[in-house]
Amino acid sequence: MTLVIAGSCSGVGKTTVTLALLAFLSDRGFPVQAFKVGPDYIDPMFHTAITKRPCRNLDPVLTSEAYVQQCFARHSSDVDYALVEGVMGLFDGISWGEVGDFASTAHIARLLDLPVLLVLDCSKLSGSIAAIAHGFRTFDPRVKIAGVVLNQVGSDRHLQLLKNALEPLHLPILGVFYREQCIRIPDRHLGLVPAAEIPGMQRLFDQLNSLAEEHFDWERLLPLLKATPLTPTPPLLSGVGGKPKKDKIKIAVAGDRAFNFYYQDNLDILIALGAELIFWSPLADTKLPPGIQGLYFGGGFPEVFASELANNKNARHAVKKAIAAGITTYAECGGLMYLCEQIIDFDGQAWDMVGILPNKAVMSKKLTLGYRQATALENTFLFPAGTQITGHEFHRSRLKITTQKPLFKVTTYHPQTPAILEGFTQKNLHASYLHLHFGTHQQIPQQFLINCHNSTLIETQKN
């Protein structure tokens, strides 16, 4: 069956509920697959840390409805249990064609034909909880509410009032979390602090497991979470028009506390197309891995670790030298910032970075967030001029200088918002704030690897 964990709004505790469910199942040795609705990178890191299986993003804006269905079927077919963590409130999405809540948690639940476990914050409610639950249950009859989790319950007396209010609805209460039992996960300017940065993560998971054991109705929950065998899906690279290369193309992927925003599907697609991914750390390593033919810099938190990145001069110089020599390079958001001359942090202090891009990334309080439609303004090694792609922005930095040779013309999904020019492109360099999912843009990783292969051949011929 599998459940979708949804909330009435952001901040009601659906991530805590999801992690508690995952901790309980994983602690008992069950293979469990987690999914996350939307473009988020950080919540999936926690899912992955608990289950030891890569969490998969389900985002029909960055991919497609068909891809979401295929991804879910592909990765839930070989596990005992699976669950999907939603995004924002249950019906919060964007207007897209005839779908008014496109990419919402409700949209994904309908798309996958899955029931919803609704998390409700009860901290300021008693009898009114019934009106809220009834509204969510009846708003869209296509979305089945399997039950609710009552979070932030103040006392046993408070819980009884909530139960009395919900009783006429015959809506199962599948979990109860009291206010004093609330587990806080530290956060900062882009959301939760990633799992790898939190000391004592196993202790946190143990606490979640204990809470889950005591406060969920497992007799009713387990059958709902049981994964159902689904129809086999097409191969990962169906329709790409290319086959994996016999000789692996070695790609250095920046992977550490500063750079960790990667969709697992993107990495899988690169591997399926013939890449050998070699992870290295711009924080700790003093040189690039030997024999590489391309560089991949994902997003992350280079601003948080700017002093360490700046102090690792050998790594910065090695990257600049490699890019200047023509190595094919793909950089998103935090990767773009690292390739600039400097990062200027929230305190106004400047830190030297790679310097291959003639710009400075300046941190600010303003959050840039949302889906973007981008049109390539000229031919690049990834796509021809006029190519339209969909991406996602999520950052609190801005570039000090507007590029004179922009990569994209970018628009939002709000008609009144003016277009902006964004990104850098050079012969073998793609750098942009846009995060892309390769699921339905598989020509991008394919062209990336072709360019890596061809530039290596040229270099070999020169020697």
Protein backbone atom coordinates (compact mmCIF):
# COMPACT_ATOMS: atom_id res chain seq x y z
CA MET A 1 0.00 0.00 0.00
CA THR A 2 2.52 2.63 1.22
CA LEU A 3 1.61 5.92 2.90
CA VAL A 4 2.16 9.55 2.04
CA ILE A 5 3.06 11.60 5.13
CA ALA A 6 1.42 15.00 4.75
CA GLY A 7 0.89 18.07 6.89
CA SER A 8 -1.81 20.68 7.20
CA CYS A 9 0.95 23.24 6.58
CA SER A 10 4.72 23.60 6.86
CA GLY A 11 6.22 23.13 10.30
CA VAL A 12 3.60 20.77 11.77
CA GLY A 13 6.11 17.94 12.28
CA LYS A 14 5.78 15.73 9.19
CA THR A 15 9.57 15.35 8.90
CA THR A 16 9.82 14.22 12.53
CA VAL A 17 6.95 11.78 12.00
CA THR A 18 8.57 10.46 8.83
CA LEU A 19 11.95 9.99 10.50
CA ALA A 20 10.35 8.26 13.47
CA LEU A 21 8.57 5.80 11.17
CA LEU A 22 11.78 5.15 9.23
CA ALA A 23 13.81 4.71 12.43
CA PHE A 24 11.36 2.14 13.81
CA LEU A 25 11.26 0.08 10.61
CA SER A 26 14.99 0.25 9.97
CA ASP A 27 15.87 -0.65 13.56
CA ARG A 28 13.97 -3.90 13.10
CA GLY A 29 15.92 -4.79 9.99
CA PHE A 30 13.17 -4.17 7.44
CA PRO A 31 14.32 -2.98 4.01
CA VAL A 32 12.50 0.35 3.66
CA GLN A 33 12.52 2.87 0.82
CA ALA A 34 11.89 6.56 1.46
CA PHE A 35 10.74 9.16 -1.06
CA LYS A 36 10.47 12.94 -0.78
CA VAL A 37 7.99 15.10 -2.67
CA GLY A 38 9.58 18.11 -4.34
CA PRO A 39 13.11 19.36 -5.03
CA ASP A 40 14.46 19.31 -1.46
CA TYR A 41 17.95 17.91 -0.81
CA ILE A 42 18.22 18.07 2.99
CA ASP A 43 15.29 15.94 4.21
CA PRO A 44 16.38 13.09 1.91
CA MET A 45 19.81 13.11 3.59
CA PHE A 46 18.12 12.15 6.88
CA HIS A 47 16.03 9.48 5.15
CA THR A 48 19.16 8.01 3.59
CA ALA A 49 21.12 8.12 6.85
CA ILE A 50 18.42 6.08 8.62
CA THR A 51 17.49 3.56 5.92
CA LYS A 52 20.95 3.19 4.34
CA ARG A 53 19.15 3.39 0.98
CA PRO A 54 19.25 6.55 -1.18
CA CYS A 55 16.05 8.56 -0.83
CA ARG A 56 14.40 9.43 -4.14
CA ASN A 57 12.81 12.78 -5.02
CA LEU A 58 9.37 12.75 -6.63
CA ASP A 59 9.02 16.04 -8.51
CA PRO A 60 6.78 16.25 -11.60
CA VAL A 61 7.90 19.83 -12.30
CA LEU A 62 11.60 18.98 -12.60
CA THR A 63 10.78 15.67 -14.30
CA SER A 64 7.27 14.55 -15.36
CA GLU A 65 4.26 12.75 -13.99
CA ALA A 66 5.29 9.58 -15.84
CA TYR A 67 8.81 9.76 -14.43
CA VAL A 68 7.44 10.12 -10.88
CA GLN A 69 5.36 6.98 -11.34
CA GLN A 70 8.27 5.05 -12.85
CA CYS A 71 10.71 6.19 -10.14
CA PHE A 72 8.33 5.15 -7.37
CA ALA A 73 7.65 1.76 -8.95
CA ARG A 74 11.32 1.09 -9.67
CA HIS A 75 12.57 1.77 -6.15
CA SER A 76 9.70 0.37 -4.06
CA SER A 77 9.60 -2.98 -5.83
CA ASP A 78 12.34 -4.71 -3.80
CA VAL A 79 11.60 -3.55 -0.25
CA ASP A 80 9.24 -4.62 2.54
CA TYR A 81 8.07 -1.11 3.37
CA ALA A 82 8.02 2.30 1.70
CA LEU A 83 6.78 5.77 2.54
CA VAL A 84 6.64 9.19 0.94
CA GLU A 85 7.27 12.42 2.85
CA GLY A 86 5.23 15.30 1.49
CA VAL A 87 6.06 18.97 1.08
CA MET A 88 4.46 22.03 2.73
CA GLY A 89 0.70 21.64 3.25
CA LEU A 90 -1.18 18.77 1.62
CA PHE A 91 -2.66 20.84 -1.21
CA ASP A 92 0.15 23.41 -1.61
CA GLY A 93 1.44 23.27 -5.19
CA ILE A 94 1.55 25.43 -8.29
CA SER A 95 -1.01 26.10 -10.98
CA TRP A 96 -0.05 24.09 -14.05
CA GLY A 97 -2.50 23.59 -16.90
CA GLU A 98 -5.68 22.05 -15.56
CA VAL A 99 -4.06 21.00 -12.27
CA GLY A 100 -4.38 23.71 -9.62
CA ASP A 101 -2.18 21.93 -7.07
CA PHE A 102 0.47 20.52 -9.41
CA ALA A 103 3.49 19.03 -7.59
CA SER A 104 1.70 19.20 -4.24
CA THR A 105 1.63 16.27 -1.86
CA ALA A 106 -1.99 15.68 -2.84
CA HIS A 107 -1.01 15.58 -6.52
CA ILE A 108 1.63 12.90 -5.82
CA ALA A 109 -0.85 10.91 -3.71
CA ARG A 110 -3.34 10.94 -6.59
CA LEU A 111 -0.65 10.17 -9.14
CA LEU A 112 0.56 7.11 -7.20
CA ASP A 113 -2.89 6.18 -5.84
CA LEU A 114 -1.64 6.21 -2.24
CA PRO A 115 -3.45 7.04 1.02
CA VAL A 116 -2.35 9.95 3.20
CA LEU A 117 -1.36 10.07 6.86
CA LEU A 118 -2.13 13.65 7.91
CA VAL A 119 0.00 15.29 10.63
CA LEU A 120 -1.84 17.98 12.61
CA ASP A 121 -0.34 20.50 15.04
CA CYS A 122 -2.71 20.46 18.01
CA SER A 123 -0.84 22.94 20.20
CA LYS A 124 -3.56 25.63 19.95
CA LEU A 125 -6.58 23.46 19.18
CA SER A 126 -9.18 21.29 20.87
CA GLY A 127 -12.65 20.96 19.30
CA SER A 128 -11.62 22.83 16.16
CA ILE A 129 -9.38 19.92 15.19
CA ALA A 130 -12.47 18.19 13.82
CA ALA A 131 -13.25 21.02 11.41
CA ILE A 132 -9.67 21.00 10.11
CA ALA A 133 -9.56 17.23 9.72
CA HIS A 134 -12.99 17.19 8.06
CA GLY A 135 -11.91 19.93 5.63
CA PHE A 136 -8.79 18.09 4.56
CA ARG A 137 -10.71 14.83 4.26
CA THR A 138 -13.47 16.20 2.03
CA PHE A 139 -11.68 18.93 0.06
CA ASP A 140 -10.64 16.51 -2.69
CA PRO A 141 -12.49 13.17 -2.67
CA ARG A 142 -9.71 11.67 -4.83
CA VAL A 143 -7.31 11.95 -1.88
CA LYS A 144 -7.92 9.29 0.76
CA ILE A 145 -6.98 10.24 4.33
CA ALA A 146 -6.04 6.97 6.03
CA GLY A 147 -5.64 8.55 9.44
CA VAL A 148 -4.08 11.37 11.43
CA VAL A 149 -1.12 11.92 13.72
CA LEU A 150 -1.80 14.36 16.54
CA ASN A 151 1.36 16.35 17.27
CA GLN A 152 2.13 18.83 20.07
CA VAL A 153 -0.54 17.41 22.38
CA GLY A 154 -0.37 19.21 25.72
CA SER A 155 -1.67 16.61 28.18
CA ASP A 156 -3.86 13.55 28.58
CA ARG A 157 -6.84 15.87 29.15
CA HIS A 158 -5.99 17.72 25.93
CA LEU A 159 -5.76 14.41 24.08
CA GLN A 160 -9.20 13.36 25.31
CA LEU A 161 -10.72 16.61 24.04
CA LEU A 162 -9.13 15.99 20.64
CA LYS A 163 -10.39 12.40 20.54
CA ASN A 164 -13.91 13.48 21.48
CA ALA A 165 -13.91 16.05 18.67
CA LEU A 166 -12.64 13.59 16.07
CA GLU A 167 -14.86 10.66 17.09
CA PRO A 168 -17.85 11.56 14.85
CA LEU A 169 -15.54 11.57 11.82
CA HIS A 170 -14.48 7.95 12.38
CA LEU A 171 -11.00 9.01 11.30
CA PRO A 172 -8.31 6.74 12.78
CA ILE A 173 -5.77 8.35 15.11
CA LEU A 174 -2.62 6.45 14.15
CA GLY A 175 -0.13 8.39 16.27
CA VAL A 176 0.07 10.82 19.18
CA PHE A 177 3.10 12.95 20.09
CA TYR A 178 3.08 15.04 23.25
CA ARG A 179 4.55 18.51 23.36
CA GLU A 180 7.37 17.64 25.75
CA GLN A 181 8.36 14.73 23.52
CA CYS A 182 9.01 16.95 20.53
CA ILE A 183 12.45 16.35 19.04
CA ARG A 184 14.13 19.42 17.60
CA ILE A 185 16.53 19.05 14.69
CA PRO A 186 18.84 22.08 14.37
CA ASP A 187 18.32 24.39 11.41
CA ARG A 188 19.95 27.35 9.72
CA HIS A 189 19.42 29.69 6.75
CA LEU A 190 18.39 27.04 4.17
CA GLY A 191 16.43 24.73 6.48
CA LEU A 192 17.59 21.77 8.56
CA VAL A 193 21.29 21.26 9.19
CA PRO A 194 22.30 18.22 7.04
CA ALA A 195 22.51 14.91 8.87
CA ALA A 196 26.25 14.53 8.34
CA GLU A 197 26.92 17.74 10.30
CA ILE A 198 24.95 16.82 13.41
CA PRO A 199 27.01 15.17 16.16
CA GLY A 200 25.39 12.16 17.77
CA MET A 201 23.01 11.43 14.91
CA GLN A 202 22.60 7.82 16.02
CA ARG A 203 21.39 9.03 19.42
CA LEU A 204 18.77 11.16 17.62
CA PHE A 205 17.66 8.15 15.57
CA ASP A 206 17.45 6.02 18.71
CA GLN A 207 15.20 8.66 20.33
CA LEU A 208 12.98 8.70 17.26
CA ASN A 209 12.78 4.91 17.30
CA SER A 210 11.74 4.88 20.95
CA LEU A 211 9.06 7.52 20.38
CA ALA A 212 7.76 5.66 17.35
CA GLU A 213 7.54 2.36 19.25
CA GLU A 214 5.46 3.92 21.99
CA HIS A 215 3.31 6.46 20.19
CA PHE A 216 2.20 4.93 16.88
CA ASP A 217 -0.60 2.42 16.41
CA TRP A 218 1.57 -0.15 14.66
CA GLU A 219 -1.17 -2.76 14.36
CA ARG A 220 -2.96 -0.46 11.91
CA LEU A 221 0.10 1.30 10.48
CA LEU A 222 2.20 -1.64 9.32
CA PRO A 223 -0.31 -2.92 6.74
CA LEU A 224 -0.59 0.60 5.32
CA LEU A 225 3.19 0.91 4.95
CA LYS A 226 3.65 -2.49 3.33
CA ALA A 227 5.07 -2.07 -0.17
CA THR A 228 2.94 -3.57 -2.94
CA PRO A 229 4.65 -5.18 -5.95
CA LEU A 230 4.15 -2.95 -8.97
CA THR A 231 4.33 -3.36 -12.71
CA PRO A 232 7.95 -3.39 -13.98
CA THR A 233 9.09 0.00 -15.22
CA PRO A 234 11.09 0.93 -18.33
CA PRO A 235 14.90 0.95 -18.00
CA LEU A 236 16.44 4.03 -16.41
CA LEU A 237 17.80 5.20 -19.78
CA SER A 238 14.79 4.32 -21.90
CA GLY A 239 14.61 6.57 -24.96
CA VAL A 240 17.98 8.25 -24.47
CA GLY A 241 19.33 6.95 -27.75
CA GLY A 242 22.73 5.98 -26.38
CA LYS A 243 24.31 3.06 -24.61
CA PRO A 244 26.77 3.00 -21.72
CA LYS A 245 30.37 3.42 -22.84
CA LYS A 246 32.68 0.43 -22.63
CA ASP A 247 35.50 2.60 -21.26
CA LYS A 248 34.33 4.45 -18.17
CA ILE A 249 34.59 8.24 -18.21
CA LYS A 250 36.05 9.37 -14.88
CA ILE A 251 34.18 12.27 -13.28
CA ALA A 252 35.38 13.95 -10.07
CA VAL A 253 32.31 14.75 -7.96
CA ALA A 254 32.74 17.24 -5.11
CA GLY A 255 31.28 15.49 -2.07
CA ASP A 256 31.72 16.70 1.51
CA ARG A 257 30.02 18.98 4.06
CA ALA A 258 30.28 21.95 1.67
CA PHE A 259 28.95 20.16 -1.43
CA ASN A 260 26.25 17.53 -0.95
CA PHE A 261 23.18 18.62 -2.93
CA TYR A 262 22.85 15.82 -5.48
CA TYR A 263 19.80 13.95 -6.69
CA GLN A 264 20.63 10.27 -6.50
CA ASP A 265 18.89 9.77 -9.84
CA ASN A 266 21.35 12.18 -11.46
CA LEU A 267 24.28 10.14 -10.20
CA ASP A 268 22.63 6.90 -11.28
CA ILE A 269 21.99 8.24 -14.78
CA LEU A 270 25.60 9.34 -15.17
CA ILE A 271 26.78 5.87 -14.12
CA ALA A 272 24.31 4.18 -16.48
CA LEU A 273 25.62 6.35 -19.33
CA GLY A 274 29.17 5.20 -18.71
CA ALA A 275 30.60 7.44 -15.99
CA GLU A 276 32.81 6.37 -13.12
CA LEU A 277 32.09 8.79 -10.29
CA ILE A 278 35.07 9.55 -8.06
CA PHE A 279 34.12 11.55 -4.98
CA TRP A 280 36.63 14.00 -3.56
CA SER A 281 36.58 16.81 -0.98
CA PRO A 282 37.37 20.45 -1.79
CA LEU A 283 37.56 20.89 1.99
CA ALA A 284 40.10 18.16 2.77
CA ASP A 285 41.83 17.00 -0.43
CA THR A 286 44.79 18.99 -1.72
CA LYS A 287 44.57 17.75 -5.30
CA LEU A 288 42.09 16.37 -7.78
CA PRO A 289 41.74 12.60 -8.30
CA PRO A 290 44.13 11.33 -10.99
CA GLY A 291 42.99 10.54 -14.53
CA ILE A 292 39.68 12.41 -14.40
CA GLN A 293 37.95 13.72 -17.52
CA GLY A 294 35.28 15.95 -15.97
CA LEU A 295 34.29 17.89 -12.85
CA TYR A 296 30.84 17.94 -11.21
CA PHE A 297 30.10 20.48 -8.45
CA GLY A 298 26.67 20.22 -6.85
CA GLY A 299 25.11 22.67 -4.44
CA GLY A 300 25.52 22.79 -0.71
CA PHE A 301 26.87 25.20 1.89
CA PRO A 302 30.18 26.67 0.66
CA GLU A 303 29.31 29.86 2.57
CA VAL A 304 29.26 27.94 5.88
CA PHE A 305 32.67 26.42 5.19
CA ALA A 306 34.14 29.37 3.29
CA SER A 307 37.16 29.72 5.58
CA GLU A 308 38.11 26.04 5.15
CA LEU A 309 37.62 26.20 1.40
CA ALA A 310 39.71 29.37 1.22
CA ASN A 311 42.49 27.86 3.34
CA ASN A 312 42.73 24.83 1.06
CA LYS A 313 44.70 26.76 -1.57
CA ASN A 314 46.06 23.65 -3.25
CA ALA A 315 42.58 22.36 -4.06
CA ARG A 316 41.44 25.75 -5.35
CA HIS A 317 44.48 26.11 -7.57
CA ALA A 318 44.12 22.55 -8.88
CA VAL A 319 40.50 23.19 -9.87
CA LYS A 320 41.32 26.50 -11.54
CA LYS A 321 44.21 24.98 -13.44
CA ALA A 322 42.09 22.04 -14.63
CA ILE A 323 39.23 24.23 -15.84
CA ALA A 324 41.61 26.68 -17.53
CA ALA A 325 43.19 23.70 -19.31
CA GLY A 326 39.77 22.76 -20.71
CA ILE A 327 38.41 20.00 -18.47
CA THR A 328 34.62 19.76 -18.85
CA THR A 329 32.91 21.18 -15.75
CA TYR A 330 29.29 21.23 -14.57
CA ALA A 331 28.49 23.40 -11.51
CA GLU A 332 25.20 24.19 -9.76
CA CYS A 333 24.46 26.87 -7.13
CA GLY A 334 27.06 26.21 -4.39
CA GLY A 335 29.38 24.91 -7.10
CA LEU A 336 28.91 28.18 -9.00
CA MET A 337 29.79 30.11 -5.85
CA TYR A 338 32.95 28.07 -5.31
CA LEU A 339 34.15 28.85 -8.83
CA CYS A 340 33.79 32.61 -8.27
CA GLU A 341 36.66 34.86 -7.15
CA GLN A 342 35.28 35.22 -3.63
CA ILE A 343 32.42 34.37 -1.29
CA ILE A 344 31.42 37.25 0.96
CA ASP A 345 29.74 35.72 4.02
CA PHE A 346 26.86 37.00 6.18
CA ASP A 347 29.33 39.03 8.28
CA GLY A 348 30.75 40.76 5.21
CA GLN A 349 34.06 38.90 5.31
CA ALA A 350 35.53 37.97 1.93
CA TRP A 351 37.01 34.52 1.31
CA ASP A 352 39.04 33.63 -1.76
CA MET A 353 37.62 30.87 -3.94
CA VAL A 354 38.71 29.25 -7.23
CA GLY A 355 38.52 32.45 -9.29
CA ILE A 356 37.72 30.92 -12.68
CA LEU A 357 34.55 33.07 -12.84
CA PRO A 358 35.07 36.86 -12.69
CA ASN A 359 32.51 37.43 -9.96
CA LYS A 360 31.82 37.46 -6.23
CA ALA A 361 29.03 35.60 -4.44
CA VAL A 362 27.57 37.81 -1.71
CA MET A 363 25.40 36.33 1.05
CA SER A 364 22.20 38.19 1.95
CA LYS A 365 19.09 37.72 4.06
CA LYS A 366 16.88 37.43 0.98
CA LEU A 367 15.94 33.87 0.05
CA THR A 368 15.70 33.07 -3.65
CA LEU A 369 13.42 30.06 -3.94
CA GLY A 370 11.24 28.45 -6.56
CA TYR A 371 10.89 26.68 -9.88
CA ARG A 372 12.34 28.38 -12.92
CA GLN A 373 11.90 28.11 -16.67
CA ALA A 374 15.20 28.76 -18.40
CA THR A 375 15.99 29.38 -22.07
CA ALA A 376 19.57 28.90 -23.30
CA LEU A 377 20.78 32.11 -24.92
CA GLU A 378 23.54 30.53 -26.99
CA ASN A 379 24.97 27.19 -28.04
CA THR A 380 26.79 25.36 -25.25
CA PHE A 381 28.36 21.94 -24.95
CA LEU A 382 25.16 20.78 -23.18
CA PHE A 383 22.45 22.12 -25.47
CA PRO A 384 21.80 24.43 -28.44
CA ALA A 385 20.55 28.01 -28.14
CA GLY A 386 16.81 28.18 -27.56
CA THR A 387 16.66 25.00 -25.47
CA GLN A 388 14.11 25.33 -22.67
CA ILE A 389 14.58 23.51 -19.39
CA THR A 390 12.99 23.60 -15.95
CA GLY A 391 15.09 23.99 -12.82
CA HIS A 392 14.88 25.03 -9.19
CA GLU A 393 16.62 27.82 -7.27
CA PHE A 394 17.32 27.71 -3.52
CA HIS A 395 19.95 30.11 -2.19
CA ARG A 396 20.64 33.25 -0.14
CA SER A 397 23.49 34.58 -2.21
CA ARG A 398 23.65 36.84 -5.23
CA LEU A 399 26.37 37.56 -7.72
CA LYS A 400 27.90 41.00 -7.37
CA ILE A 401 28.39 41.53 -11.10
CA THR A 402 25.81 40.73 -13.77
CA THR A 403 27.47 38.46 -16.27
CA GLN A 404 28.13 40.02 -19.69
CA LYS A 405 27.64 36.67 -21.43
CA PRO A 406 24.76 35.00 -19.59
CA LEU A 407 23.85 31.36 -20.00
CA PHE A 408 20.09 31.58 -19.45
CA LYS A 409 17.10 33.85 -19.65
CA VAL A 410 15.15 32.77 -16.57
CA THR A 411 11.49 33.29 -15.71
CA THR A 412 9.41 32.18 -12.75
CA TYR A 413 5.90 30.72 -12.78
CA HIS A 414 4.46 34.09 -11.74
CA PRO A 415 3.57 36.08 -14.90
CA GLN A 416 4.27 39.48 -13.33
CA THR A 417 7.85 38.62 -12.38
CA PRO A 418 10.37 39.98 -14.90
CA ALA A 419 12.88 37.65 -16.54
CA ILE A 420 16.51 37.72 -15.39
CA LEU A 421 19.76 36.79 -17.07
CA GLU A 422 21.72 34.14 -15.22
CA GLY A 423 24.61 31.69 -15.37
CA PHE A 424 28.01 31.42 -17.01
CA THR A 425 29.16 29.39 -19.96
CA GLN A 426 32.58 28.93 -21.46
CA LYS A 427 33.78 26.36 -23.97
CA ASN A 428 33.90 23.54 -21.40
CA LEU A 429 32.18 25.15 -18.41
CA HIS A 430 28.53 25.28 -17.35
CA ALA A 431 27.84 27.18 -14.10
CA SER A 432 24.39 28.26 -12.92
CA TYR A 433 22.25 28.77 -9.83
CA LEU A 434 19.71 26.35 -11.32
CA HIS A 435 19.46 22.85 -9.90
CA LEU A 436 18.48 20.40 -12.64
CA HIS A 437 17.07 16.90 -12.44
CA PHE A 438 18.33 14.69 -15.25
CA GLY A 439 15.30 12.37 -15.16
CA THR A 440 13.61 13.88 -18.21
CA HIS A 441 16.61 15.91 -19.38
CA GLN A 442 18.89 12.95 -20.01
CA GLN A 443 20.43 14.63 -23.04
CA ILE A 444 22.24 16.91 -20.56
CA PRO A 445 24.30 14.22 -18.78
CA GLN A 446 24.78 12.48 -22.10
CA GLN A 447 26.24 15.60 -23.71
CA PHE A 448 28.28 16.26 -20.59
CA LEU A 449 29.94 12.84 -20.87
CA ILE A 450 30.40 13.16 -24.64
CA ASN A 451 32.20 16.45 -24.10
CA CYS A 452 34.33 14.90 -21.34
CA HIS A 453 35.30 12.06 -23.69
CA ASN A 454 36.00 14.31 -26.70
CA SER A 455 38.06 16.86 -24.78
CA THR A 456 40.18 14.04 -23.37
CA LEU A 457 40.82 12.71 -26.87
CA ILE A 458 41.90 16.16 -28.03
CA GLU A 459 44.27 16.49 -25.09
CA THR A 460 45.69 13.03 -25.79
CA GLN A 461 46.29 13.93 -29.43
CA LYS A 462 48.15 17.08 -28.39
CA ASN A 463 50.51 15.00 -26.32
